[in-house]
Amino acid sequence: MKQTTVMPAEGRLGILVVGCGAVATTLMTGVLMARKGLARPIGSMTQMDKIRVGRGTDKQYLHYQDIVPLAALDDIVFGTWDVYPQNAYQAAVYAQVLQQKDIDPVRQELEQIVPMTAAFDHNYAKRLTGDHVKTCTSRWDMVEQLRADIRQFRQEKQCSRMVVLWAASTEIFVPVDAQVHQSLSALEAAMQADDREHIAPSMCYAYAALSEGCPFIMGAPNTTVDIPAMWQLAEKTRMPICGKDFKTGQTLVKSGFAPIIGTRCLGLDGWFSTNILGNRDGMVLDEPANFHTKEVSKLSTLETILKGDDQPALYGDYYHKVRINYYPPRNDNKESWDNIDIRGWMDYPMQIKINFLCRDSILAAPVALDLCLLSDLAARAGRYGIQRFLSFFLKSPMHDYTQGEEPVNHLYQQYTMLKNAIREMGGYEADEEID
């Protein structure tokens, strides 16, 4: 390892997960099983990927942990909040993502992960009925109670560093309101005034995390850290934040396949995407107000890769539609269909069909792990505020829309940003260009 200015990953890393559902328990079980050598962390970039560092005779391909000081899986301690009181073992069995044989070897450790009461507002997720929730007099009280939880967990588990990860349900859509979300002082005033319309519970988790020195990761498409007030808080507390919504199934395919169409200069007439999903996430998204939050996130990908302004003859007027359908028999086994209408030589029409039968939490768990480890790394590297290099893992990359900045959704450009950041933090030259 080269000389690096990144602080070493000493001591325990606490990962506090909002929501002890399918994604959270799949993440926890996988990490605990991998620690025992009973499972492989396939799909995790931090555990499996290799990056080239150096050029010519100095060229090497190294794992991330051989370039930068990443926290080891052995040093992770999990905690959680949830609206249901079941421990992580009970929740993992209930989720029906993993087989019993893959949960039982770590049953004892999972049973010790007992959720704290959740900061919850039923109006933001009407399909959830759990009563393991905090009684809060205001949004500010909600923040204070969450901060107390973080401090207590840090002390009890003797964590050197902590990360807070949202793996809970999609909230109803909260439009950005300049009166409330534009400045940190306005946001704090709204919290103190108990403005429940503009302050989502997820904002309280993010505010509490950043204020307690924890990077915050938003795994759902909620309006949370993607507002100027939170950017100011991240700068003030010198904590990293990133975009939102784990990029797992259909959007991963879209961000990787759309560049094929663009690079080959094929025309696009339309892209229709539909999904069926049956777990608790699907149930929550069956509520129109919650689906709209997800729809905004999923629709944003294509338009920044196949740009009508740059290539009006090819992409000036295509139709893009996204649908999600709740279908209980599938549980966590999501299926997506994409129908893509393209044009080739002499405007002759062609079609592409993609049918992805994926396991939502199996794809999300390694993404969640990577975001936690890399956010912790960024904090130790002194990187704070918006971390654009983490865009690779997210459906909605963070960008400063107040300045007209466009998000980078192109998967291979995102991968270049990720590799360059790892190289840079490891003391190597960030030597790949993004064209």
Protein backbone atom coordinates (compact mmCIF):
# COMPACT_ATOMS: atom_id res chain seq x y z
CA MET A 1 0.00 0.00 0.00
CA LYS A 2 1.30 3.45 -0.93
CA GLN A 3 1.60 6.29 1.53
CA THR A 4 -1.87 7.73 2.07
CA THR A 5 -3.27 10.53 4.19
CA VAL A 6 -6.42 8.53 4.98
CA MET A 7 -6.83 7.78 8.68
CA PRO A 8 -6.52 4.06 9.46
CA ALA A 9 -9.66 1.96 9.99
CA GLU A 10 -8.97 1.23 13.64
CA GLY A 11 -11.59 -0.07 16.06
CA ARG A 12 -15.18 -1.03 15.47
CA LEU A 13 -17.41 0.36 12.73
CA GLY A 14 -21.04 0.59 13.82
CA ILE A 15 -23.60 0.29 11.02
CA LEU A 16 -27.00 1.48 12.22
CA VAL A 17 -29.71 0.45 9.77
CA VAL A 18 -33.08 2.16 9.56
CA GLY A 19 -35.48 -0.72 8.92
CA CYS A 20 -34.85 -4.35 9.87
CA GLY A 21 -36.53 -5.85 6.82
CA ALA A 22 -35.44 -7.92 3.85
CA VAL A 23 -32.47 -5.78 2.73
CA ALA A 24 -31.14 -5.15 6.24
CA THR A 25 -31.32 -8.77 7.39
CA THR A 26 -29.84 -10.06 4.12
CA LEU A 27 -26.94 -7.62 4.57
CA MET A 28 -26.41 -8.58 8.22
CA THR A 29 -26.65 -12.33 7.61
CA GLY A 30 -24.30 -12.18 4.62
CA VAL A 31 -21.63 -10.22 6.52
CA LEU A 32 -21.86 -12.52 9.55
CA MET A 33 -21.70 -15.64 7.35
CA ALA A 34 -18.76 -14.25 5.33
CA ARG A 35 -16.88 -13.59 8.58
CA LYS A 36 -17.17 -17.30 9.38
CA GLY A 37 -16.09 -18.30 5.90
CA LEU A 38 -19.55 -19.80 5.23
CA ALA A 39 -20.60 -17.48 2.39
CA ARG A 40 -18.96 -15.38 -0.30
CA PRO A 41 -19.66 -11.63 -0.63
CA ILE A 42 -20.38 -11.85 -4.36
CA GLY A 43 -21.62 -8.58 -5.86
CA SER A 44 -19.65 -6.43 -3.41
CA MET A 45 -17.16 -4.20 -5.19
CA THR A 46 -15.19 -3.55 -2.00
CA GLN A 47 -14.74 -7.28 -1.41
CA MET A 48 -14.39 -8.65 -4.96
CA ASP A 49 -13.39 -5.93 -7.47
CA LYS A 50 -9.83 -5.15 -8.57
CA ILE A 51 -8.66 -1.78 -9.85
CA ARG A 52 -5.61 -0.99 -11.96
CA VAL A 53 -3.14 1.35 -10.29
CA GLY A 54 -0.05 2.68 -12.02
CA ARG A 55 0.91 2.46 -15.68
CA GLY A 56 3.44 0.62 -17.80
CA THR A 57 5.84 -1.52 -15.77
CA ASP A 58 4.29 -0.16 -12.52
CA LYS A 59 0.82 -1.41 -13.43
CA GLN A 60 -0.95 -3.61 -10.86
CA TYR A 61 -4.51 -4.84 -10.36
CA LEU A 62 -5.36 -4.66 -6.67
CA HIS A 63 -8.37 -5.24 -4.42
CA TYR A 64 -9.75 -2.08 -2.81
CA GLN A 65 -8.41 -3.04 0.63
CA ASP A 66 -4.90 -3.25 -0.85
CA ILE A 67 -5.18 0.35 -2.13
CA VAL A 68 -7.02 2.08 0.72
CA PRO A 69 -7.53 1.27 4.43
CA LEU A 70 -11.07 -0.17 4.39
CA ALA A 71 -12.85 -1.36 7.52
CA ALA A 72 -12.72 -5.16 7.80
CA LEU A 73 -15.91 -7.22 7.95
CA ASP A 74 -14.72 -8.54 11.33
CA ASP A 75 -14.88 -5.02 12.77
CA ILE A 76 -18.53 -4.31 11.83
CA VAL A 77 -21.21 -4.09 14.54
CA PHE A 78 -24.87 -3.89 13.47
CA GLY A 79 -27.77 -2.07 15.08
CA THR A 80 -31.19 -1.14 13.77
CA TRP A 81 -34.46 0.74 14.21
CA ASP A 82 -37.77 -0.76 13.12
CA VAL A 83 -41.52 -0.29 13.51
CA TYR A 84 -41.76 -4.02 14.36
CA PRO A 85 -40.04 -5.38 17.50
CA GLN A 86 -38.74 -8.70 16.07
CA ASN A 87 -34.99 -9.29 16.32
CA ALA A 88 -32.87 -9.66 13.18
CA TYR A 89 -33.10 -13.47 13.19
CA GLN A 90 -36.91 -13.40 13.34
CA ALA A 91 -37.01 -10.68 10.70
CA ALA A 92 -34.65 -12.63 8.38
CA VAL A 93 -36.85 -15.74 8.64
CA TYR A 94 -39.98 -13.65 8.04
CA ALA A 95 -38.47 -11.96 4.97
CA GLN A 96 -38.05 -15.34 3.21
CA VAL A 97 -35.12 -14.12 1.15
CA LEU A 98 -32.55 -16.56 2.51
CA GLN A 99 -32.93 -20.28 3.18
CA GLN A 100 -32.96 -21.44 6.79
CA LYS A 101 -29.62 -23.22 6.31
CA ASP A 102 -28.01 -19.87 5.44
CA ILE A 103 -29.45 -18.09 8.50
CA ASP A 104 -29.11 -20.68 11.28
CA PRO A 105 -25.27 -20.70 11.50
CA VAL A 106 -25.41 -17.04 12.67
CA ARG A 107 -28.71 -17.27 14.55
CA GLN A 108 -27.15 -16.35 17.88
CA GLU A 109 -25.55 -13.16 16.53
CA LEU A 110 -28.74 -12.15 14.68
CA GLU A 111 -30.90 -12.67 17.77
CA GLN A 112 -28.75 -10.15 19.61
CA ILE A 113 -29.61 -7.44 17.06
CA VAL A 114 -32.84 -6.09 18.55
CA PRO A 115 -34.43 -3.03 16.93
CA MET A 116 -34.73 0.26 18.75
CA THR A 117 -38.12 1.96 18.45
CA ALA A 118 -38.47 3.67 15.09
CA ALA A 119 -39.08 7.35 14.40
CA PHE A 120 -42.17 6.89 12.28
CA ASP A 121 -45.08 8.82 10.81
CA HIS A 122 -47.89 6.65 9.47
CA ASN A 123 -48.83 9.33 6.93
CA TYR A 124 -45.53 8.74 5.12
CA ALA A 125 -46.06 4.96 4.74
CA LYS A 126 -49.77 4.19 5.13
CA ARG A 127 -49.40 0.49 4.38
CA LEU A 128 -47.16 -0.10 7.43
CA THR A 129 -48.93 -0.84 10.71
CA GLY A 130 -46.09 -1.49 13.17
CA ASP A 131 -46.42 0.01 16.65
CA HIS A 132 -42.78 -0.28 17.81
CA VAL A 133 -42.46 3.49 17.43
CA LYS A 134 -41.32 6.51 19.38
CA THR A 135 -43.72 9.00 20.88
CA CYS A 136 -42.48 12.36 19.63
CA THR A 137 -43.83 15.78 20.54
CA SER A 138 -42.31 17.32 17.39
CA ARG A 139 -39.93 16.63 14.53
CA TRP A 140 -37.20 18.26 16.60
CA ASP A 141 -37.97 15.87 19.47
CA MET A 142 -37.73 13.03 16.92
CA VAL A 143 -34.23 14.24 15.99
CA GLU A 144 -33.15 14.49 19.63
CA GLN A 145 -34.38 10.97 20.43
CA LEU A 146 -32.53 9.56 17.41
CA ARG A 147 -29.33 11.38 18.40
CA ALA A 148 -29.63 9.84 21.87
CA ASP A 149 -30.02 6.36 20.28
CA ILE A 150 -26.86 6.88 18.20
CA ARG A 151 -24.85 8.04 21.21
CA GLN A 152 -26.05 5.14 23.33
CA PHE A 153 -25.27 2.56 20.64
CA ARG A 154 -21.80 4.05 20.10
CA GLN A 155 -21.07 3.80 23.82
CA GLU A 156 -22.57 0.35 24.43
CA LYS A 157 -20.88 -1.27 21.41
CA GLN A 158 -17.68 0.78 21.82
CA CYS A 159 -17.64 1.92 18.20
CA SER A 160 -14.80 4.11 16.94
CA ARG A 161 -16.87 5.22 13.95
CA MET A 162 -20.45 4.84 12.75
CA VAL A 163 -22.51 5.00 9.58
CA VAL A 164 -26.31 5.30 9.36
CA LEU A 165 -27.99 3.48 6.48
CA TRP A 166 -31.63 3.84 5.41
CA ALA A 167 -32.95 0.43 4.28
CA ALA A 168 -36.58 1.15 5.19
CA SER A 169 -39.61 1.80 3.01
CA THR A 170 -40.15 4.48 0.41
CA GLU A 171 -41.90 7.50 1.89
CA ILE A 172 -44.54 9.54 0.07
CA PHE A 173 -43.14 12.13 -2.31
CA VAL A 174 -42.03 15.38 -0.67
CA PRO A 175 -41.52 18.17 -3.24
CA VAL A 176 -38.55 20.42 -2.54
CA ASP A 177 -39.86 23.62 -0.94
CA ALA A 178 -37.47 26.56 -1.03
CA GLN A 179 -39.06 28.08 2.10
CA VAL A 180 -38.12 25.01 4.18
CA HIS A 181 -35.40 23.06 2.37
CA GLN A 182 -33.16 25.80 0.97
CA SER A 183 -31.20 26.58 4.13
CA LEU A 184 -30.17 24.73 7.29
CA SER A 185 -31.68 27.42 9.53
CA ALA A 186 -35.06 27.12 7.72
CA LEU A 187 -34.96 23.33 8.03
CA GLU A 188 -34.21 23.51 11.76
CA ALA A 189 -36.98 26.06 12.29
CA ALA A 190 -39.45 23.78 10.48
CA MET A 191 -38.39 20.84 12.64
CA GLN A 192 -38.86 22.88 15.80
CA ALA A 193 -42.26 24.07 14.55
CA ASP A 194 -43.23 20.42 13.92
CA ASP A 195 -43.84 20.96 10.21
CA ARG A 196 -44.90 17.40 9.36
CA GLU A 197 -45.80 18.22 5.78
CA HIS A 198 -42.30 19.28 4.71
CA ILE A 199 -40.16 17.32 7.19
CA ALA A 200 -40.19 13.58 6.51
CA PRO A 201 -39.03 11.15 9.24
CA SER A 202 -36.08 10.23 7.00
CA MET A 203 -34.87 13.85 7.24
CA CYS A 204 -34.82 13.46 11.03
CA TYR A 205 -32.65 10.33 10.74
CA ALA A 206 -30.28 12.12 8.36
CA TYR A 207 -30.07 15.23 10.54
CA ALA A 208 -29.41 13.10 13.65
CA ALA A 209 -26.76 10.99 11.91
CA LEU A 210 -24.80 13.91 10.45
CA SER A 211 -25.02 15.84 13.73
CA GLU A 212 -23.56 12.85 15.59
CA GLY A 213 -20.64 12.49 13.19
CA CYS A 214 -22.03 9.64 11.09
CA PRO A 215 -22.14 9.55 7.28
CA PHE A 216 -25.74 9.02 6.14
CA ILE A 217 -26.79 6.79 3.22
CA MET A 218 -30.29 6.94 1.71
CA GLY A 219 -31.18 3.57 0.19
CA ALA A 220 -34.71 4.61 -0.90
CA PRO A 221 -35.81 7.37 -3.31
CA ASN A 222 -37.02 9.66 -0.49
CA THR A 223 -36.45 13.42 -0.50
CA THR A 224 -33.94 13.46 2.37
CA VAL A 225 -30.35 14.54 1.82
CA ASP A 226 -30.89 15.85 -1.71
CA ILE A 227 -31.82 19.33 -0.48
CA PRO A 228 -29.52 22.38 0.01
CA ALA A 229 -30.22 22.44 3.78
CA MET A 230 -28.71 18.95 4.19
CA TRP A 231 -25.76 19.85 1.98
CA GLN A 232 -25.07 22.73 4.35
CA LEU A 233 -25.35 20.39 7.36
CA ALA A 234 -22.93 17.91 5.77
CA GLU A 235 -20.44 20.74 5.16
CA LYS A 236 -20.89 22.03 8.72
CA THR A 237 -20.41 18.60 10.32
CA ARG A 238 -17.74 17.59 7.75
CA MET A 239 -19.59 14.37 6.97
CA PRO A 240 -20.00 12.59 3.61
CA ILE A 241 -23.41 12.20 1.93
CA CYS A 242 -24.28 10.70 -1.44
CA GLY A 243 -27.25 10.20 -3.75
CA LYS A 244 -30.23 7.95 -3.08
CA ASP A 245 -32.00 4.69 -3.89
CA PHE A 246 -29.91 1.51 -4.23
CA LYS A 247 -29.25 0.76 -7.91
CA THR A 248 -30.05 -2.94 -8.05
CA GLY A 249 -32.20 -4.43 -10.81
CA GLN A 250 -33.89 -2.65 -13.68
CA THR A 251 -32.08 0.69 -13.28
CA LEU A 252 -28.72 -1.10 -13.15
CA VAL A 253 -29.61 -2.72 -16.48
CA LYS A 254 -30.80 0.62 -17.88
CA SER A 255 -27.66 2.54 -16.84
CA GLY A 256 -25.50 -0.17 -18.43
CA PHE A 257 -27.55 -0.86 -21.57
CA ALA A 258 -28.50 2.69 -22.58
CA PRO A 259 -24.79 3.47 -23.27
CA ILE A 260 -24.80 0.64 -25.85
CA ILE A 261 -27.56 2.42 -27.78
CA GLY A 262 -25.85 5.81 -27.42
CA THR A 263 -22.34 4.60 -28.25
CA ARG A 264 -23.58 2.76 -31.36
CA CYS A 265 -25.58 5.86 -32.47
CA LEU A 266 -28.85 3.96 -32.71
CA GLY A 267 -32.10 5.90 -32.48
CA LEU A 268 -34.59 5.47 -29.64
CA ASP A 269 -38.37 5.74 -30.00
CA GLY A 270 -39.44 4.43 -26.61
CA TRP A 271 -38.42 2.53 -23.49
CA PHE A 272 -41.17 0.87 -21.44
CA SER A 273 -40.19 -0.62 -18.07
CA THR A 274 -42.45 -2.60 -15.77
CA ASN A 275 -41.84 -4.63 -12.59
CA ILE A 276 -43.63 -7.05 -10.32
CA LEU A 277 -42.56 -7.23 -6.68
CA GLY A 278 -44.18 -8.84 -3.65
CA ASN A 279 -42.30 -8.01 -0.46
CA ARG A 280 -43.04 -5.24 2.06
CA ASP A 281 -41.40 -2.76 -0.31
CA GLY A 282 -43.85 -3.76 -3.03
CA MET A 283 -46.75 -3.39 -0.61
CA VAL A 284 -45.68 0.15 0.35
CA LEU A 285 -45.14 1.11 -3.31
CA ASP A 286 -48.69 -0.03 -4.09
CA GLU A 287 -49.77 3.26 -2.52
CA PRO A 288 -49.78 5.87 -5.36
CA ALA A 289 -48.16 8.63 -3.26
CA ASN A 290 -45.26 6.30 -2.39
CA PHE A 291 -44.92 4.98 -5.95
CA HIS A 292 -44.55 8.54 -7.25
CA THR A 293 -41.36 8.92 -5.17
CA LYS A 294 -39.91 5.79 -6.80
CA GLU A 295 -41.12 6.78 -10.27
CA VAL A 296 -39.25 10.10 -10.14
CA SER A 297 -36.06 8.23 -9.17
CA LYS A 298 -36.34 5.55 -11.87
CA LEU A 299 -37.31 7.97 -14.67
CA SER A 300 -34.29 10.22 -14.16
CA THR A 301 -31.71 7.69 -15.40
CA LEU A 302 -32.30 7.58 -19.14
CA GLU A 303 -32.56 11.27 -19.92
CA THR A 304 -29.01 12.03 -18.76
CA ILE A 305 -27.50 9.20 -20.85
CA LEU A 306 -29.43 9.54 -24.12
CA LYS A 307 -29.67 13.32 -24.41
CA GLY A 308 -32.05 14.91 -26.88
CA ASP A 309 -30.16 18.21 -26.78
CA ASP A 310 -26.90 16.55 -27.83
CA GLN A 311 -28.39 14.20 -30.45
CA PRO A 312 -31.86 15.50 -31.43
CA ALA A 313 -32.08 13.25 -34.50
CA LEU A 314 -31.61 10.14 -32.34
CA TYR A 315 -33.02 11.06 -28.92
CA GLY A 316 -35.06 14.21 -29.42
CA ASP A 317 -38.48 12.64 -28.93
CA TYR A 318 -38.57 9.22 -27.23
CA TYR A 319 -41.25 7.97 -24.83
CA HIS A 320 -40.15 6.64 -21.42
CA LYS A 321 -42.56 4.93 -19.02
CA VAL A 322 -41.91 3.09 -15.72
CA ARG A 323 -44.39 0.91 -13.81
CA ILE A 324 -44.21 -1.13 -10.57
CA ASN A 325 -46.92 -3.65 -9.71
CA TYR A 326 -47.45 -5.26 -6.32
CA TYR A 327 -47.72 -9.04 -6.74
CA PRO A 328 -47.53 -10.85 -3.36
CA PRO A 329 -46.68 -14.39 -4.62
CA ARG A 330 -43.24 -13.23 -5.80
CA ASN A 331 -42.15 -11.87 -2.39
CA ASP A 332 -38.53 -10.64 -2.78
CA ASN A 333 -38.06 -12.21 -6.22
CA LYS A 334 -38.62 -9.19 -8.41
CA GLU A 335 -39.14 -9.53 -12.14
CA SER A 336 -38.66 -6.68 -14.57
CA TRP A 337 -39.43 -6.37 -18.26
CA ASP A 338 -38.00 -3.74 -20.57
CA ASN A 339 -39.30 -3.19 -24.08
CA ILE A 340 -37.00 -0.92 -26.09
CA ASP A 341 -38.00 0.40 -29.51
CA ILE A 342 -34.93 1.47 -31.46
CA ARG A 343 -34.16 2.66 -34.99
CA GLY A 344 -31.23 1.66 -37.19
CA TRP A 345 -29.92 2.28 -40.69
CA MET A 346 -32.41 4.23 -42.86
CA ASP A 347 -34.72 4.53 -39.81
CA TYR A 348 -35.69 0.86 -39.89
CA PRO A 349 -37.35 -0.13 -36.57
CA MET A 350 -36.03 -2.85 -34.25
CA GLN A 351 -36.86 -4.01 -30.73
CA ILE A 352 -34.91 -5.19 -27.70
CA LYS A 353 -36.59 -7.17 -24.88
CA ILE A 354 -34.94 -7.62 -21.49
CA ASN A 355 -36.48 -9.90 -18.84
CA PHE A 356 -34.58 -9.77 -15.53
CA LEU A 357 -35.63 -12.25 -12.84
CA CYS A 358 -33.71 -10.90 -9.90
CA ARG A 359 -33.69 -11.15 -6.13
CA ASP A 360 -34.04 -7.63 -4.86
CA SER A 361 -32.31 -8.00 -1.49
CA ILE A 362 -29.55 -10.25 -2.90
CA LEU A 363 -28.63 -7.39 -5.24
CA ALA A 364 -29.17 -4.63 -2.64
CA ALA A 365 -27.17 -6.14 0.26
CA PRO A 366 -23.70 -5.84 -1.36
CA VAL A 367 -24.54 -2.32 -2.57
CA ALA A 368 -25.48 -1.36 0.99
CA LEU A 369 -22.24 -2.83 2.34
CA ASP A 370 -20.11 -1.00 -0.23
CA LEU A 371 -21.83 2.32 0.46
CA CYS A 372 -21.22 1.92 4.21
CA LEU A 373 -17.54 0.97 3.84
CA LEU A 374 -16.81 3.65 1.24
CA SER A 375 -18.66 6.39 3.15
CA ASP A 376 -16.61 5.49 6.22
CA LEU A 377 -13.48 5.60 4.06
CA ALA A 378 -14.45 9.02 2.68
CA ALA A 379 -14.96 10.38 6.21
CA ARG A 380 -11.50 9.15 7.26
CA ALA A 381 -10.05 10.69 4.09
CA GLY A 382 -11.47 14.07 5.11
CA ARG A 383 -13.94 14.08 2.23
CA TYR A 384 -17.24 15.65 3.20
CA GLY A 385 -20.41 16.93 1.57
CA ILE A 386 -21.62 15.37 -1.69
CA GLN A 387 -19.61 12.27 -2.71
CA ARG A 388 -20.18 11.96 -6.44
CA PHE A 389 -17.87 8.93 -6.70
CA LEU A 390 -20.59 6.85 -4.99
CA SER A 391 -23.01 7.48 -7.90
CA PHE A 392 -22.19 4.00 -9.23
CA PHE A 393 -24.32 2.43 -6.48
CA LEU A 394 -27.37 4.70 -6.68
CA LYS A 395 -30.38 5.27 -8.93
CA SER A 396 -30.36 9.02 -8.25
CA PRO A 397 -26.80 10.35 -8.06
CA MET A 398 -26.36 13.50 -6.00
CA HIS A 399 -25.91 16.70 -7.98
CA ASP A 400 -26.34 20.41 -7.31
CA TYR A 401 -29.50 21.08 -9.30
CA THR A 402 -29.57 24.66 -7.96
CA GLN A 403 -26.57 25.33 -10.21
CA GLY A 404 -27.95 23.40 -13.19
CA GLU A 405 -25.60 20.45 -12.65
CA GLU A 406 -26.69 17.20 -14.30
CA PRO A 407 -26.26 13.85 -12.53
CA VAL A 408 -23.94 11.27 -14.09
CA ASN A 409 -26.08 8.15 -14.71
CA HIS A 410 -23.88 6.46 -17.33
CA LEU A 411 -22.67 3.28 -15.55
CA TYR A 412 -19.19 3.25 -17.08
CA GLN A 413 -18.57 6.94 -16.36
CA GLN A 414 -19.72 6.27 -12.80
CA TYR A 415 -17.30 3.34 -12.54
CA THR A 416 -14.46 5.59 -13.72
CA MET A 417 -15.36 8.14 -11.02
CA LEU A 418 -15.34 5.36 -8.41
CA LYS A 419 -11.96 3.98 -9.50
CA ASN A 420 -10.37 7.43 -9.66
CA ALA A 421 -11.52 8.25 -6.12
CA ILE A 422 -10.13 4.96 -4.76
CA ARG A 423 -6.83 5.57 -6.53
CA GLU A 424 -6.63 9.13 -5.23
CA MET A 425 -7.36 8.13 -1.62
CA GLY A 426 -4.78 5.37 -1.93
CA GLY A 427 -2.05 7.80 -2.95
CA TYR A 428 -2.05 6.83 -6.65
CA GLU A 429 -2.75 8.99 -9.69
CA ALA A 430 -6.44 9.36 -10.63
CA ASP A 431 -5.49 8.58 -14.21
CA GLU A 432 -8.74 7.80 -16.11
CA GLU A 433 -10.66 10.48 -17.94
CA ILE A 434 -14.44 10.72 -18.14
CA ASP A 435 -15.36 11.66 -21.69
